[in-house]
Amino acid sequence: MEQLIKLVSEKAGISEAQAETAVKTVLGFLKDKLPAPVAAQVEQVMAGKTGDLSGKDLGGQVGKLFGKK
């Protein structure tokens, strides 16, 4: 998550503290709106526990959220 915070800070021209608030807000929003299996992965990212996601069909689950089959 640290890389994302730095990227947001650089791209938006804001401090890292402000970027951290923005990233946590967006991730929290996504966690609340996404299907439970995907939300669990977001929670792991927020906790810094990304692990191996290679076996997960996260793209398919996110696609379903937007009406894709």
PDB file of N, CA and C in Angstrom:
ATOM      1  N   MET A   1       0.826  -1.181   0.000  1.00  0.00           N
ATOM      2  CA  MET A   1       0.000   0.000   0.000  1.00  0.00           C
ATOM      3  C   MET A   1       0.875   1.252   0.000  1.00  0.00           C
ATOM      4  N   GLU A   2       2.066   1.100   0.517  1.00  0.00           N
ATOM      5  CA  GLU A   2       2.992   2.240   0.571  1.00  0.00           C
ATOM      6  C   GLU A   2       3.302   2.778  -0.827  1.00  0.00           C
ATOM      7  N   GLN A   3       3.450   1.871  -1.804  1.00  0.00           N
ATOM      8  CA  GLN A   3       3.719   2.307  -3.178  1.00  0.00           C
ATOM      9  C   GLN A   3       2.543   3.102  -3.725  1.00  0.00           C
ATOM     10  N   LEU A   4       1.335   2.654  -3.437  1.00  0.00           N
ATOM     11  CA  LEU A   4       0.138   3.347  -3.906  1.00  0.00           C
ATOM     12  C   LEU A   4       0.045   4.731  -3.286  1.00  0.00           C
ATOM     13  N   ILE A   5       0.345   4.836  -2.017  1.00  0.00           N
ATOM     14  CA  ILE A   5       0.315   6.132  -1.330  1.00  0.00           C
ATOM     15  C   ILE A   5       1.320   7.088  -1.964  1.00  0.00           C
ATOM     16  N   LYS A   6       2.520   6.596  -2.231  1.00  0.00           N
ATOM     17  CA  LYS A   6       3.544   7.445  -2.859  1.00  0.00           C
ATOM     18  C   LYS A   6       3.115   7.870  -4.258  1.00  0.00           C
ATOM     19  N   LEU A   7       2.527   6.946  -5.009  1.00  0.00           N
ATOM     20  CA  LEU A   7       2.072   7.258  -6.364  1.00  0.00           C
ATOM     21  C   LEU A   7       0.976   8.326  -6.337  1.00  0.00           C
ATOM     22  N   VAL A   8       0.011   8.169  -5.456  1.00  0.00           N
ATOM     23  CA  VAL A   8      -1.069   9.156  -5.340  1.00  0.00           C
ATOM     24  C   VAL A   8      -0.502  10.506  -4.917  1.00  0.00           C
ATOM     25  N   SER A   9       0.436  10.493  -3.990  1.00  0.00           N
ATOM     26  CA  SER A   9       1.068  11.727  -3.534  1.00  0.00           C
ATOM     27  C   SER A   9       1.745  12.457  -4.688  1.00  0.00           C
ATOM     28  N   GLU A  10       2.502  11.708  -5.481  1.00  0.00           N
ATOM     29  CA  GLU A  10       3.216  12.303  -6.608  1.00  0.00           C
ATOM     30  C   GLU A  10       2.261  12.801  -7.692  1.00  0.00           C
ATOM     31  N   LYS A  11       1.312  11.962  -8.075  1.00  0.00           N
ATOM     32  CA  LYS A  11       0.404  12.303  -9.178  1.00  0.00           C
ATOM     33  C   LYS A  11      -0.536  13.446  -8.812  1.00  0.00           C
ATOM     34  N   ALA A  12      -0.983  13.478  -7.563  1.00  0.00           N
ATOM     35  CA  ALA A  12      -1.943  14.509  -7.150  1.00  0.00           C
ATOM     36  C   ALA A  12      -1.263  15.757  -6.596  1.00  0.00           C
ATOM     37  N   GLY A  13       0.036  15.655  -6.351  1.00  0.00           N
ATOM     38  CA  GLY A  13       0.757  16.809  -5.813  1.00  0.00           C
ATOM     39  C   GLY A  13       0.335  17.130  -4.389  1.00  0.00           C
ATOM     40  N   ILE A  14       0.091  16.079  -3.598  1.00  0.00           N
ATOM     41  CA  ILE A  14      -0.313  16.258  -2.205  1.00  0.00           C
ATOM     42  C   ILE A  14       0.684  15.542  -1.304  1.00  0.00           C
ATOM     43  N   SER A  15       0.606  15.820  -0.012  1.00  0.00           N
ATOM     44  CA  SER A  15       1.528  15.178   0.930  1.00  0.00           C
ATOM     45  C   SER A  15       1.208  13.694   1.044  1.00  0.00           C
ATOM     46  N   GLU A  16       2.168  12.941   1.544  1.00  0.00           N
ATOM     47  CA  GLU A  16       1.937  11.511   1.729  1.00  0.00           C
ATOM     48  C   GLU A  16       0.849  11.262   2.771  1.00  0.00           C
ATOM     49  N   ALA A  17       0.747  12.126   3.764  1.00  0.00           N
ATOM     50  CA  ALA A  17      -0.310  11.972   4.771  1.00  0.00           C
ATOM     51  C   ALA A  17      -1.688  12.150   4.134  1.00  0.00           C
ATOM     52  N   GLN A  18      -1.815  13.130   3.256  1.00  0.00           N
ATOM     53  CA  GLN A  18      -3.079  13.344   2.554  1.00  0.00           C
ATOM     54  C   GLN A  18      -3.371  12.185   1.601  1.00  0.00           C
ATOM     55  N   ALA A  19      -2.345  11.710   0.928  1.00  0.00           N
ATOM     56  CA  ALA A  19      -2.507  10.582   0.011  1.00  0.00           C
ATOM     57  C   ALA A  19      -2.924   9.328   0.766  1.00  0.00           C
ATOM     58  N   GLU A  20      -2.356   9.121   1.940  1.00  0.00           N
ATOM     59  CA  GLU A  20      -2.726   7.954   2.746  1.00  0.00           C
ATOM     60  C   GLU A  20      -4.203   8.014   3.125  1.00  0.00           C
ATOM     61  N   THR A  21      -4.670   9.183   3.506  1.00  0.00           N
ATOM     62  CA  THR A  21      -6.092   9.350   3.830  1.00  0.00           C
ATOM     63  C   THR A  21      -6.950   9.048   2.610  1.00  0.00           C
ATOM     64  N   ALA A  22      -6.549   9.542   1.459  1.00  0.00           N
ATOM     65  CA  ALA A  22      -7.309   9.312   0.225  1.00  0.00           C
ATOM     66  C   ALA A  22      -7.341   7.830  -0.133  1.00  0.00           C
ATOM     67  N   VAL A  23      -6.202   7.176  -0.078  1.00  0.00           N
ATOM     68  CA  VAL A  23      -6.116   5.757  -0.430  1.00  0.00           C
ATOM     69  C   VAL A  23      -6.964   4.926   0.530  1.00  0.00           C
ATOM     70  N   LYS A  24      -6.853   5.183   1.816  1.00  0.00           N
ATOM     71  CA  LYS A  24      -7.640   4.426   2.792  1.00  0.00           C
ATOM     72  C   LYS A  24      -9.133   4.666   2.598  1.00  0.00           C
ATOM     73  N   THR A  25      -9.511   5.878   2.244  1.00  0.00           N
ATOM     74  CA  THR A  25     -10.917   6.183   1.999  1.00  0.00           C
ATOM     75  C   THR A  25     -11.437   5.409   0.799  1.00  0.00           C
ATOM     76  N   VAL A  26     -10.686   5.414  -0.288  1.00  0.00           N
ATOM     77  CA  VAL A  26     -11.108   4.700  -1.505  1.00  0.00           C
ATOM     78  C   VAL A  26     -11.154   3.195  -1.260  1.00  0.00           C
ATOM     79  N   LEU A  27     -10.137   2.647  -0.617  1.00  0.00           N
ATOM     80  CA  LEU A  27     -10.129   1.221  -0.343  1.00  0.00           C
ATOM     81  C   LEU A  27     -11.276   0.822   0.580  1.00  0.00           C
ATOM     82  N   GLY A  28     -11.586   1.652   1.559  1.00  0.00           N
ATOM     83  CA  GLY A  28     -12.716   1.386   2.443  1.00  0.00           C
ATOM     84  C   GLY A  28     -14.026   1.403   1.683  1.00  0.00           C
ATOM     85  N   PHE A  29     -14.174   2.355   0.779  1.00  0.00           N
ATOM     86  CA  PHE A  29     -15.373   2.433  -0.052  1.00  0.00           C
ATOM     87  C   PHE A  29     -15.510   1.184  -0.910  1.00  0.00           C
ATOM     88  N   LEU A  30     -14.417   0.792  -1.556  1.00  0.00           N
ATOM     89  CA  LEU A  30     -14.446  -0.407  -2.393  1.00  0.00           C
ATOM     90  C   LEU A  30     -14.795  -1.641  -1.576  1.00  0.00           C
ATOM     91  N   LYS A  31     -14.208  -1.742  -0.396  1.00  0.00           N
ATOM     92  CA  LYS A  31     -14.462  -2.890   0.468  1.00  0.00           C
ATOM     93  C   LYS A  31     -15.953  -3.000   0.795  1.00  0.00           C
ATOM     94  N   ASP A  32     -16.595  -1.867   1.006  1.00  0.00           N
ATOM     95  CA  ASP A  32     -18.026  -1.857   1.326  1.00  0.00           C
ATOM     96  C   ASP A  32     -18.901  -2.185   0.126  1.00  0.00           C
ATOM     97  N   LYS A  33     -18.443  -1.880  -1.079  1.00  0.00           N
ATOM     98  CA  LYS A  33     -19.267  -2.024  -2.279  1.00  0.00           C
ATOM     99  C   LYS A  33     -19.015  -3.305  -3.072  1.00  0.00           C
ATOM    100  N   LEU A  34     -17.858  -3.906  -2.917  1.00  0.00           N
ATOM    101  CA  LEU A  34     -17.500  -5.079  -3.714  1.00  0.00           C
ATOM    102  C   LEU A  34     -18.077  -6.356  -3.116  1.00  0.00           C
ATOM    103  N   PRO A  35     -18.207  -7.398  -3.941  1.00  0.00           N
ATOM    104  CA  PRO A  35     -18.648  -8.700  -3.413  1.00  0.00           C
ATOM    105  C   PRO A  35     -17.693  -9.174  -2.315  1.00  0.00           C
ATOM    106  N   ALA A  36     -18.221  -9.945  -1.376  1.00  0.00           N
ATOM    107  CA  ALA A  36     -17.456 -10.364  -0.197  1.00  0.00           C
ATOM    108  C   ALA A  36     -16.080 -10.950  -0.506  1.00  0.00           C
ATOM    109  N   PRO A  37     -15.952 -11.862  -1.502  1.00  0.00           N
ATOM    110  CA  PRO A  37     -14.604 -12.415  -1.759  1.00  0.00           C
ATOM    111  C   PRO A  37     -13.598 -11.349  -2.199  1.00  0.00           C
ATOM    112  N   VAL A  38     -14.048 -10.403  -2.974  1.00  0.00           N
ATOM    113  CA  VAL A  38     -13.147  -9.336  -3.432  1.00  0.00           C
ATOM    114  C   VAL A  38     -12.874  -8.373  -2.277  1.00  0.00           C
ATOM    115  N   ALA A  39     -13.897  -8.073  -1.502  1.00  0.00           N
ATOM    116  CA  ALA A  39     -13.730  -7.189  -0.349  1.00  0.00           C
ATOM    117  C   ALA A  39     -12.707  -7.757   0.624  1.00  0.00           C
ATOM    118  N   ALA A  40     -12.706  -9.077   0.775  1.00  0.00           N
ATOM    119  CA  ALA A  40     -11.727  -9.717   1.655  1.00  0.00           C
ATOM    120  C   ALA A  40     -10.308  -9.489   1.147  1.00  0.00           C
ATOM    121  N   GLN A  41     -10.147  -9.508  -0.173  1.00  0.00           N
ATOM    122  CA  GLN A  41      -8.823  -9.246  -0.750  1.00  0.00           C
ATOM    123  C   GLN A  41      -8.413  -7.791  -0.526  1.00  0.00           C
ATOM    124  N   VAL A  42      -9.361  -6.876  -0.640  1.00  0.00           N
ATOM    125  CA  VAL A  42      -9.074  -5.463  -0.370  1.00  0.00           C
ATOM    126  C   VAL A  42      -8.629  -5.305   1.080  1.00  0.00           C
ATOM    127  N   GLU A  43      -9.317  -5.988   1.976  1.00  0.00           N
ATOM    128  CA  GLU A  43      -8.954  -5.942   3.399  1.00  0.00           C
ATOM    129  C   GLU A  43      -7.532  -6.438   3.614  1.00  0.00           C
ATOM    130  N   GLN A  44      -7.150  -7.506   2.893  1.00  0.00           N
ATOM    131  CA  GLN A  44      -5.790  -8.023   3.015  1.00  0.00           C
ATOM    132  C   GLN A  44      -4.768  -7.017   2.503  1.00  0.00           C
ATOM    133  N   VAL A  45      -5.093  -6.341   1.418  1.00  0.00           N
ATOM    134  CA  VAL A  45      -4.189  -5.321   0.883  1.00  0.00           C
ATOM    135  C   VAL A  45      -4.028  -4.196   1.896  1.00  0.00           C
ATOM    136  N   MET A  46      -5.140  -3.771   2.491  1.00  0.00           N
ATOM    137  CA  MET A  46      -5.094  -2.701   3.488  1.00  0.00           C
ATOM    138  C   MET A  46      -4.233  -3.109   4.687  1.00  0.00           C
ATOM    139  N   ALA A  47      -4.242  -4.396   5.019  1.00  0.00           N
ATOM    140  CA  ALA A  47      -3.466  -4.892   6.148  1.00  0.00           C
ATOM    141  C   ALA A  47      -2.021  -5.212   5.760  1.00  0.00           C
ATOM    142  N   GLY A  48      -1.708  -5.059   4.460  1.00  0.00           N
ATOM    143  CA  GLY A  48      -0.361  -5.343   3.991  1.00  0.00           C
ATOM    144  C   GLY A  48      -0.088  -6.813   3.783  1.00  0.00           C
ATOM    145  N   LYS A  49      -1.140  -7.611   3.682  1.00  0.00           N
ATOM    146  CA  LYS A  49      -1.007  -9.060   3.505  1.00  0.00           C
ATOM    147  C   LYS A  49      -1.530  -9.450   2.134  1.00  0.00           C
ATOM    148  N   THR A  50      -0.781  -9.115   1.092  1.00  0.00           N
ATOM    149  CA  THR A  50      -1.265  -9.398  -0.255  1.00  0.00           C
ATOM    150  C   THR A  50      -1.139 -10.860  -0.613  1.00  0.00           C
ATOM    151  N   GLY A  51      -0.105 -11.538  -0.167  1.00  0.00           N
ATOM    152  CA  GLY A  51       0.036 -12.971  -0.422  1.00  0.00           C
ATOM    153  C   GLY A  51      -0.028 -13.318  -1.893  1.00  0.00           C
ATOM    154  N   ASP A  52      -0.443 -14.539  -2.189  1.00  0.00           N
ATOM    155  CA  ASP A  52      -0.536 -15.032  -3.561  1.00  0.00           C
ATOM    156  C   ASP A  52      -1.980 -14.984  -4.015  1.00  0.00           C
ATOM    157  N   LEU A  53      -2.284 -14.093  -4.935  1.00  0.00           N
ATOM    158  CA  LEU A  53      -3.642 -13.949  -5.444  1.00  0.00           C
ATOM    159  C   LEU A  53      -3.805 -14.612  -6.801  1.00  0.00           C
ATOM    160  N   SER A  54      -2.814 -15.369  -7.238  1.00  0.00           N
ATOM    161  CA  SER A  54      -2.829 -15.914  -8.592  1.00  0.00           C
ATOM    162  C   SER A  54      -3.985 -16.868  -8.838  1.00  0.00           C
ATOM    163  N   GLY A  55      -4.470 -17.557  -7.827  1.00  0.00           N
ATOM    164  CA  GLY A  55      -5.550 -18.513  -8.016  1.00  0.00           C
ATOM    165  C   GLY A  55      -6.928 -17.896  -7.924  1.00  0.00           C
ATOM    166  N   LYS A  56      -7.022 -16.631  -7.699  1.00  0.00           N
ATOM    167  CA  LYS A  56      -8.308 -15.956  -7.505  1.00  0.00           C
ATOM    168  C   LYS A  56      -8.792 -15.351  -8.807  1.00  0.00           C
ATOM    169  N   ASP A  57     -10.090 -15.450  -9.040  1.00  0.00           N
ATOM    170  CA  ASP A  57     -10.693 -14.833 -10.216  1.00  0.00           C
ATOM    171  C   ASP A  57     -11.237 -13.458  -9.829  1.00  0.00           C
ATOM    172  N   LEU A  58     -10.337 -12.592  -9.389  1.00  0.00           N
ATOM    173  CA  LEU A  58     -10.764 -11.272  -8.940  1.00  0.00           C
ATOM    174  C   LEU A  58     -11.315 -10.441 -10.084  1.00  0.00           C
ATOM    175  N   GLY A  59     -10.702 -10.552 -11.252  1.00  0.00           N
ATOM    176  CA  GLY A  59     -11.182  -9.798 -12.406  1.00  0.00           C
ATOM    177  C   GLY A  59     -12.609 -10.177 -12.756  1.00  0.00           C
ATOM    178  N   GLY A  60     -12.895 -11.468 -12.720  1.00  0.00           N
ATOM    179  CA  GLY A  60     -14.251 -11.933 -13.021  1.00  0.00           C
ATOM    180  C   GLY A  60     -15.256 -11.445 -12.001  1.00  0.00           C
ATOM    181  N   GLN A  61     -14.864 -11.442 -10.746  1.00  0.00           N
ATOM    182  CA  GLN A  61     -15.771 -10.983  -9.697  1.00  0.00           C
ATOM    183  C   GLN A  61     -16.023  -9.481  -9.807  1.00  0.00           C
ATOM    184  N   VAL A  62     -14.995  -8.731 -10.115  1.00  0.00           N
ATOM    185  CA  VAL A  62     -15.175  -7.290 -10.296  1.00  0.00           C
ATOM    186  C   VAL A  62     -16.019  -7.035 -11.539  1.00  0.00           C
ATOM    187  N   GLY A  63     -15.804  -7.828 -12.596  1.00  0.00           N
ATOM    188  CA  GLY A  63     -16.610  -7.697 -13.807  1.00  0.00           C
ATOM    189  C   GLY A  63     -18.082  -7.904 -13.541  1.00  0.00           C
ATOM    190  N   LYS A  64     -18.420  -8.869 -12.683  1.00  0.00           N
ATOM    191  CA  LYS A  64     -19.814  -9.117 -12.332  1.00  0.00           C
ATOM    192  C   LYS A  64     -20.434  -7.896 -11.668  1.00  0.00           C
ATOM    193  N   LEU A  65     -19.631  -7.196 -10.893  1.00  0.00           N
ATOM    194  CA  LEU A  65     -20.117  -5.991 -10.228  1.00  0.00           C
ATOM    195  C   LEU A  65     -20.597  -4.968 -11.253  1.00  0.00           C
ATOM    196  N   PHE A  66     -19.952  -4.937 -12.406  1.00  0.00           N
ATOM    197  CA  PHE A  66     -20.300  -3.977 -13.442  1.00  0.00           C
ATOM    198  C   PHE A  66     -21.162  -4.589 -14.545  1.00  0.00           C
ATOM    199  N   GLY A  67     -21.752  -5.753 -14.263  1.00  0.00           N
ATOM    200  CA  GLY A  67     -22.692  -6.361 -15.189  1.00  0.00           C
ATOM    201  C   GLY A  67     -22.093  -7.220 -16.278  1.00  0.00           C
ATOM    202  N   LYS A  68     -20.791  -7.481 -16.211  1.00  0.00           N
ATOM    203  CA  LYS A  68     -20.157  -8.340 -17.222  1.00  0.00           C
ATOM    204  C   LYS A  68     -20.257  -9.783 -16.780  1.00  0.00           C
ATOM    205  N   LYS A  69     -20.352 -10.684 -17.754  1.00  0.00           N
ATOM    206  CA  LYS A  69     -20.434 -12.119 -17.427  1.00  0.00           C
ATOM    207  C   LYS A  69     -19.182 -12.839 -17.816  1.00  0.00           C
TER     208      LYS A  69
END
